[in-house]
């Protein structure tokens, strides 16, 4: 028998639009974690497709699992807020403490669902990926997160904001260190078009055949 309780999980997720990223930086265009999560999900799915189809690897990944993980990867920030990356990963003690905070936030969010749905969503909000596939899923989503951040830096620079120049170089270095061919391919074949005008995109401009 269904109860008469109203559940607030999805309404809470909707509030991701009010949590802005890059809080310590001057932004020409403010970016929130809701739109960022969509960007990361799109890029992560692309990386998973490339990983399985173009760059054969013994470790195959479920591209839809990658997509779901990417889409929900920042949801706990509704409760924790967007802690700047340099602080979050400053040392192992802070890193582990923040993981515990994220886990508690995931439990709190999932408790806003009917009990029958809680376990499924807790796994999305705080996934315990293990083994080779799990490690690769995390790596692809992390790469997508970095690529999305790099694109943000590019768009800010293109609008005349030099505030993001240093961040852009730092993020590019982390992307280069990922050492995955699908990441290199995405950076080479897709990222440049983020600097195209609408007319150029509609005309299908490209410098070489993909």
C-alpha atoms as a PDB file:
ATOM      1  CA  UNK A   1       0.000   0.000   0.000  1.00  0.00           C
ATOM      2  CA  UNK A   2       1.439   3.376  -1.046  1.00  0.00           C
ATOM      3  CA  UNK A   3       1.770   5.951   1.722  1.00  0.00           C
ATOM      4  CA  UNK A   4       0.722   9.582   1.403  1.00  0.00           C
ATOM      5  CA  UNK A   5       4.182  10.986   2.063  1.00  0.00           C
ATOM      6  CA  UNK A   6       5.733  13.411  -0.430  1.00  0.00           C
ATOM      7  CA  UNK A   7       9.412  12.716  -1.102  1.00  0.00           C
ATOM      8  CA  UNK A   8      11.890  15.509  -1.679  1.00  0.00           C
ATOM      9  CA  UNK A   9      14.772  13.741  -3.455  1.00  0.00           C
ATOM     10  CA  UNK A  10      14.260  15.096  -6.960  1.00  0.00           C
ATOM     11  CA  UNK A  11      13.303  18.556  -5.740  1.00  0.00           C
ATOM     12  CA  UNK A  12      16.548  18.547  -3.764  1.00  0.00           C
ATOM     13  CA  UNK A  13      18.530  17.575  -6.882  1.00  0.00           C
ATOM     14  CA  UNK A  14      16.892  20.461  -8.706  1.00  0.00           C
ATOM     15  CA  UNK A  15      18.626  22.787  -6.268  1.00  0.00           C
ATOM     16  CA  UNK A  16      21.964  21.899  -7.838  1.00  0.00           C
ATOM     17  CA  UNK A  17      21.281  24.885 -10.078  1.00  0.00           C
ATOM     18  CA  UNK A  18      21.888  27.176  -7.096  1.00  0.00           C
ATOM     19  CA  UNK A  19      25.353  25.815  -6.264  1.00  0.00           C
ATOM     20  CA  UNK A  20      27.992  27.581  -8.313  1.00  0.00           C
ATOM     21  CA  UNK A  21      31.399  26.237  -9.239  1.00  0.00           C
ATOM     22  CA  UNK A  22      34.675  28.169  -9.272  1.00  0.00           C
ATOM     23  CA  UNK A  23      33.669  30.098  -6.155  1.00  0.00           C
ATOM     24  CA  UNK A  24      37.114  31.638  -5.669  1.00  0.00           C
ATOM     25  CA  UNK A  25      37.367  32.818  -9.278  1.00  0.00           C
ATOM     26  CA  UNK A  26      35.917  35.813 -11.096  1.00  0.00           C
ATOM     27  CA  UNK A  27      33.575  34.367 -13.726  1.00  0.00           C
ATOM     28  CA  UNK A  28      32.279  36.103 -16.825  1.00  0.00           C
ATOM     29  CA  UNK A  29      29.588  33.431 -16.879  1.00  0.00           C
ATOM     30  CA  UNK A  30      28.691  31.622 -13.677  1.00  0.00           C
ATOM     31  CA  UNK A  31      28.530  27.829 -13.935  1.00  0.00           C
ATOM     32  CA  UNK A  32      26.450  25.709 -11.562  1.00  0.00           C
ATOM     33  CA  UNK A  33      26.908  22.044 -10.696  1.00  0.00           C
ATOM     34  CA  UNK A  34      23.666  21.053 -12.410  1.00  0.00           C
ATOM     35  CA  UNK A  35      24.859  22.104 -15.865  1.00  0.00           C
ATOM     36  CA  UNK A  36      28.374  20.863 -15.109  1.00  0.00           C
ATOM     37  CA  UNK A  37      27.011  17.400 -14.311  1.00  0.00           C
ATOM     38  CA  UNK A  38      25.307  17.236 -17.701  1.00  0.00           C
ATOM     39  CA  UNK A  39      28.546  18.234 -19.448  1.00  0.00           C
ATOM     40  CA  UNK A  40      30.519  15.594 -17.558  1.00  0.00           C
ATOM     41  CA  UNK A  41      27.921  12.915 -18.320  1.00  0.00           C
ATOM     42  CA  UNK A  42      28.001  13.670 -22.055  1.00  0.00           C
ATOM     43  CA  UNK A  43      31.800  13.628 -22.183  1.00  0.00           C
ATOM     44  CA  UNK A  44      32.143  10.534 -19.970  1.00  0.00           C
ATOM     45  CA  UNK A  45      29.716   8.600 -22.163  1.00  0.00           C
ATOM     46  CA  UNK A  46      31.731   9.598 -25.228  1.00  0.00           C
ATOM     47  CA  UNK A  47      34.946   8.425 -23.572  1.00  0.00           C
ATOM     48  CA  UNK A  48      33.304   5.100 -22.680  1.00  0.00           C
ATOM     49  CA  UNK A  49      32.127   4.595 -26.269  1.00  0.00           C
ATOM     50  CA  UNK A  50      35.612   5.381 -27.574  1.00  0.00           C
ATOM     51  CA  UNK A  51      37.177   3.137 -24.941  1.00  0.00           C
ATOM     52  CA  UNK A  52      35.101   0.140 -26.015  1.00  0.00           C
ATOM     53  CA  UNK A  53      34.878   0.728 -29.769  1.00  0.00           C
ATOM     54  CA  UNK A  54      37.899   2.632 -31.049  1.00  0.00           C
ATOM     55  CA  UNK A  55      40.613   1.773 -28.550  1.00  0.00           C
ATOM     56  CA  UNK A  56      40.073  -1.905 -27.699  1.00  0.00           C
ATOM     57  CA  UNK A  57      41.083  -2.687 -24.164  1.00  0.00           C
ATOM     58  CA  UNK A  58      40.772  -5.954 -22.224  1.00  0.00           C
ATOM     59  CA  UNK A  59      38.886  -3.938 -19.604  1.00  0.00           C
ATOM     60  CA  UNK A  60      35.484  -3.185 -21.119  1.00  0.00           C
ATOM     61  CA  UNK A  61      33.136  -0.760 -19.369  1.00  0.00           C
ATOM     62  CA  UNK A  62      29.354  -0.480 -19.265  1.00  0.00           C
ATOM     63  CA  UNK A  63      28.885   2.864 -21.004  1.00  0.00           C
ATOM     64  CA  UNK A  64      25.517   3.446 -19.350  1.00  0.00           C
ATOM     65  CA  UNK A  65      27.016   2.827 -15.929  1.00  0.00           C
ATOM     66  CA  UNK A  66      29.648   5.419 -16.786  1.00  0.00           C
ATOM     67  CA  UNK A  67      26.903   7.798 -17.903  1.00  0.00           C
ATOM     68  CA  UNK A  68      24.895   7.353 -14.687  1.00  0.00           C
ATOM     69  CA  UNK A  69      27.916   7.743 -12.428  1.00  0.00           C
ATOM     70  CA  UNK A  70      28.944  10.922 -14.238  1.00  0.00           C
ATOM     71  CA  UNK A  71      25.451  12.393 -14.067  1.00  0.00           C
ATOM     72  CA  UNK A  72      25.261  11.905 -10.296  1.00  0.00           C
ATOM     73  CA  UNK A  73      28.920  12.492  -9.419  1.00  0.00           C
ATOM     74  CA  UNK A  74      28.416  15.944  -7.844  1.00  0.00           C
ATOM     75  CA  UNK A  75      24.964  15.492  -6.298  1.00  0.00           C
ATOM     76  CA  UNK A  76      26.308  15.279  -2.749  1.00  0.00           C
ATOM     77  CA  UNK A  77      27.525  18.866  -3.127  1.00  0.00           C
ATOM     78  CA  UNK A  78      23.912  19.915  -2.522  1.00  0.00           C
ATOM     79  CA  UNK A  79      24.779  19.191   1.104  1.00  0.00           C
ATOM     80  CA  UNK A  80      28.563  19.599   1.226  1.00  0.00           C
ATOM     81  CA  UNK A  81      28.872  22.569  -1.111  1.00  0.00           C
ATOM     82  CA  UNK A  82      31.504  22.841  -3.842  1.00  0.00           C
ATOM     83  CA  UNK A  83      34.812  22.586  -2.003  1.00  0.00           C
ATOM     84  CA  UNK A  84      37.670  23.963  -4.145  1.00  0.00           C
ATOM     85  CA  UNK A  85      39.810  21.162  -5.606  1.00  0.00           C
ATOM     86  CA  UNK A  86      43.128  22.439  -4.159  1.00  0.00           C
ATOM     87  CA  UNK A  87      41.615  22.190  -0.680  1.00  0.00           C
ATOM     88  CA  UNK A  88      39.789  18.900  -1.243  1.00  0.00           C
ATOM     89  CA  UNK A  89      42.983  17.093  -2.293  1.00  0.00           C
ATOM     90  CA  UNK A  90      45.530  19.058  -0.272  1.00  0.00           C
ATOM     91  CA  UNK A  91      46.593  16.026   1.759  1.00  0.00           C
ATOM     92  CA  UNK A  92      45.454  12.488   2.482  1.00  0.00           C
ATOM     93  CA  UNK A  93      43.828  13.403   5.800  1.00  0.00           C
ATOM     94  CA  UNK A  94      41.580  16.033   4.223  1.00  0.00           C
ATOM     95  CA  UNK A  95      40.876  13.742   1.263  1.00  0.00           C
ATOM     96  CA  UNK A  96      39.716  10.867   3.473  1.00  0.00           C
ATOM     97  CA  UNK A  97      37.700  13.156   5.742  1.00  0.00           C
ATOM     98  CA  UNK A  98      35.917  14.618   2.731  1.00  0.00           C
ATOM     99  CA  UNK A  99      35.107  11.104   1.464  1.00  0.00           C
ATOM    100  CA  UNK A 100      33.379  10.400   4.776  1.00  0.00           C
ATOM    101  CA  UNK A 101      31.435  13.643   4.490  1.00  0.00           C
ATOM    102  CA  UNK A 102      30.396  12.707   0.938  1.00  0.00           C
ATOM    103  CA  UNK A 103      29.240   9.269   2.122  1.00  0.00           C
ATOM    104  CA  UNK A 104      27.094  10.807   4.857  1.00  0.00           C
ATOM    105  CA  UNK A 105      25.681  13.286   2.341  1.00  0.00           C
ATOM    106  CA  UNK A 106      24.813  10.408  -0.014  1.00  0.00           C
ATOM    107  CA  UNK A 107      22.996   8.577   2.768  1.00  0.00           C
ATOM    108  CA  UNK A 108      21.086  11.719   3.674  1.00  0.00           C
ATOM    109  CA  UNK A 109      20.030  12.324   0.077  1.00  0.00           C
ATOM    110  CA  UNK A 110      18.973   8.728  -0.541  1.00  0.00           C
ATOM    111  CA  UNK A 111      16.852   8.862   2.628  1.00  0.00           C
ATOM    112  CA  UNK A 112      14.640  11.373   0.795  1.00  0.00           C
ATOM    113  CA  UNK A 113      13.393   8.519  -1.404  1.00  0.00           C
ATOM    114  CA  UNK A 114      10.900   5.714  -0.747  1.00  0.00           C
ATOM    115  CA  UNK A 115      12.705   2.860   0.971  1.00  0.00           C
ATOM    116  CA  UNK A 116      12.333   0.606  -2.072  1.00  0.00           C
ATOM    117  CA  UNK A 117      14.482   3.042  -4.121  1.00  0.00           C
ATOM    118  CA  UNK A 118      17.126   3.958  -1.562  1.00  0.00           C
ATOM    119  CA  UNK A 119      19.726   1.255  -2.178  1.00  0.00           C
ATOM    120  CA  UNK A 120      19.688   1.831  -5.937  1.00  0.00           C
ATOM    121  CA  UNK A 121      20.296   5.550  -5.562  1.00  0.00           C
ATOM    122  CA  UNK A 122      22.833   5.228  -2.773  1.00  0.00           C
ATOM    123  CA  UNK A 123      24.916   3.200  -5.212  1.00  0.00           C
ATOM    124  CA  UNK A 124      24.647   6.054  -7.725  1.00  0.00           C
ATOM    125  CA  UNK A 125      25.486   8.749  -5.188  1.00  0.00           C
ATOM    126  CA  UNK A 126      28.312   6.874  -3.473  1.00  0.00           C
ATOM    127  CA  UNK A 127      29.402   4.044  -5.771  1.00  0.00           C
ATOM    128  CA  UNK A 128      31.720   1.375  -4.427  1.00  0.00           C
ATOM    129  CA  UNK A 129      33.342   0.542  -7.737  1.00  0.00           C
ATOM    130  CA  UNK A 130      35.928  -2.207  -7.364  1.00  0.00           C
ATOM    131  CA  UNK A 131      37.967  -4.381  -9.675  1.00  0.00           C
ATOM    132  CA  UNK A 132      39.422  -3.414 -13.031  1.00  0.00           C
ATOM    133  CA  UNK A 133      36.150  -2.230 -14.574  1.00  0.00           C
ATOM    134  CA  UNK A 134      35.256  -0.158 -11.528  1.00  0.00           C
ATOM    135  CA  UNK A 135      38.637   1.533 -11.522  1.00  0.00           C
ATOM    136  CA  UNK A 136      38.315   2.289 -15.242  1.00  0.00           C
ATOM    137  CA  UNK A 137      34.812   3.733 -14.796  1.00  0.00           C
ATOM    138  CA  UNK A 138      36.121   6.097 -12.134  1.00  0.00           C
ATOM    139  CA  UNK A 139      39.068   7.032 -14.328  1.00  0.00           C
ATOM    140  CA  UNK A 140      36.858   7.867 -17.311  1.00  0.00           C
ATOM    141  CA  UNK A 141      34.492   9.996 -15.237  1.00  0.00           C
ATOM    142  CA  UNK A 142      37.403  11.793 -13.593  1.00  0.00           C
ATOM    143  CA  UNK A 143      38.846  12.481 -17.040  1.00  0.00           C
ATOM    144  CA  UNK A 144      35.492  13.812 -18.222  1.00  0.00           C
ATOM    145  CA  UNK A 145      35.296  16.060 -15.170  1.00  0.00           C
ATOM    146  CA  UNK A 146      38.740  17.479 -15.977  1.00  0.00           C
ATOM    147  CA  UNK A 147      37.877  17.967 -19.649  1.00  0.00           C
ATOM    148  CA  UNK A 148      34.683  19.822 -18.735  1.00  0.00           C
ATOM    149  CA  UNK A 149      36.696  22.056 -16.404  1.00  0.00           C
ATOM    150  CA  UNK A 150      39.246  22.682 -19.153  1.00  0.00           C
ATOM    151  CA  UNK A 151      36.487  23.686 -21.579  1.00  0.00           C
ATOM    152  CA  UNK A 152      35.139  26.092 -18.959  1.00  0.00           C
ATOM    153  CA  UNK A 153      38.589  27.697 -18.759  1.00  0.00           C
ATOM    154  CA  UNK A 154      38.739  27.983 -22.551  1.00  0.00           C
ATOM    155  CA  UNK A 155      35.359  29.711 -22.755  1.00  0.00           C
ATOM    156  CA  UNK A 156      36.279  32.145 -19.988  1.00  0.00           C
ATOM    157  CA  UNK A 157      39.545  32.976 -21.745  1.00  0.00           C
ATOM    158  CA  UNK A 158      37.736  33.429 -25.048  1.00  0.00           C
ATOM    159  CA  UNK A 159      35.499  36.015 -23.394  1.00  0.00           C
ATOM    160  CA  UNK A 160      38.540  37.990 -22.291  1.00  0.00           C
ATOM    161  CA  UNK A 161      38.822  36.681 -18.723  1.00  0.00           C
ATOM    162  CA  UNK A 162      42.468  35.972 -17.846  1.00  0.00           C
ATOM    163  CA  UNK A 163      41.472  34.756 -14.372  1.00  0.00           C
ATOM    164  CA  UNK A 164      41.307  31.178 -15.695  1.00  0.00           C
ATOM    165  CA  UNK A 165      44.635  31.083 -17.562  1.00  0.00           C
ATOM    166  CA  UNK A 166      46.622  29.469 -14.762  1.00  0.00           C
ATOM    167  CA  UNK A 167      43.817  27.020 -13.959  1.00  0.00           C
ATOM    168  CA  UNK A 168      43.648  26.055 -17.632  1.00  0.00           C
ATOM    169  CA  UNK A 169      47.329  25.108 -17.715  1.00  0.00           C
ATOM    170  CA  UNK A 170      47.098  23.157 -14.466  1.00  0.00           C
ATOM    171  CA  UNK A 171      44.037  21.227 -15.632  1.00  0.00           C
ATOM    172  CA  UNK A 172      45.607  20.500 -19.021  1.00  0.00           C
ATOM    173  CA  UNK A 173      48.598  18.999 -17.223  1.00  0.00           C
ATOM    174  CA  UNK A 174      46.323  16.675 -15.226  1.00  0.00           C
ATOM    175  CA  UNK A 175      44.557  15.629 -18.434  1.00  0.00           C
ATOM    176  CA  UNK A 176      47.873  14.864 -20.136  1.00  0.00           C
ATOM    177  CA  UNK A 177      48.852  12.697 -17.169  1.00  0.00           C
ATOM    178  CA  UNK A 178      45.751  10.504 -17.470  1.00  0.00           C
ATOM    179  CA  UNK A 179      47.399   8.614 -20.340  1.00  0.00           C
ATOM    180  CA  UNK A 180      44.293   7.192 -21.991  1.00  0.00           C
ATOM    181  CA  UNK A 181      44.035   7.227 -25.807  1.00  0.00           C
ATOM    182  CA  UNK A 182      40.307   7.987 -25.724  1.00  0.00           C
ATOM    183  CA  UNK A 183      41.020  11.093 -23.650  1.00  0.00           C
ATOM    184  CA  UNK A 184      43.724  12.249 -26.063  1.00  0.00           C
ATOM    185  CA  UNK A 185      41.371  11.613 -28.975  1.00  0.00           C
ATOM    186  CA  UNK A 186      38.560  13.647 -27.432  1.00  0.00           C
ATOM    187  CA  UNK A 187      40.927  16.516 -26.693  1.00  0.00           C
ATOM    188  CA  UNK A 188      42.231  16.495 -30.268  1.00  0.00           C
ATOM    189  CA  UNK A 189      39.015  15.894 -32.204  1.00  0.00           C
ATOM    190  CA  UNK A 190      36.237  17.478 -30.163  1.00  0.00           C
ATOM    191  CA  UNK A 191      37.557  20.139 -27.810  1.00  0.00           C
ATOM    192  CA  UNK A 192      38.721  22.555 -30.559  1.00  0.00           C
ATOM    193  CA  UNK A 193      35.147  22.927 -31.833  1.00  0.00           C
ATOM    194  CA  UNK A 194      34.127  24.527 -28.540  1.00  0.00           C
ATOM    195  CA  UNK A 195      35.846  27.619 -29.910  1.00  0.00           C
ATOM    196  CA  UNK A 196      33.833  27.649 -33.141  1.00  0.00           C
ATOM    197  CA  UNK A 197      31.116  30.176 -33.869  1.00  0.00           C
ATOM    198  CA  UNK A 198      27.542  28.979 -34.385  1.00  0.00           C
ATOM    199  CA  UNK A 199      27.893  29.472 -38.144  1.00  0.00           C
ATOM    200  CA  UNK A 200      31.064  27.385 -38.183  1.00  0.00           C
ATOM    201  CA  UNK A 201      29.381  24.594 -36.219  1.00  0.00           C
ATOM    202  CA  UNK A 202      26.363  24.620 -38.544  1.00  0.00           C
ATOM    203  CA  UNK A 203      28.669  24.505 -41.553  1.00  0.00           C
ATOM    204  CA  UNK A 204      30.355  21.409 -40.143  1.00  0.00           C
ATOM    205  CA  UNK A 205      33.765  23.022 -40.030  1.00  0.00           C
ATOM    206  CA  UNK A 206      36.593  20.645 -39.288  1.00  0.00           C
ATOM    207  CA  UNK A 207      40.291  20.736 -39.892  1.00  0.00           C
ATOM    208  CA  UNK A 208      40.578  17.079 -40.759  1.00  0.00           C
ATOM    209  CA  UNK A 209      38.479  13.969 -41.149  1.00  0.00           C
ATOM    210  CA  UNK A 210      37.776  12.252 -37.852  1.00  0.00           C
END
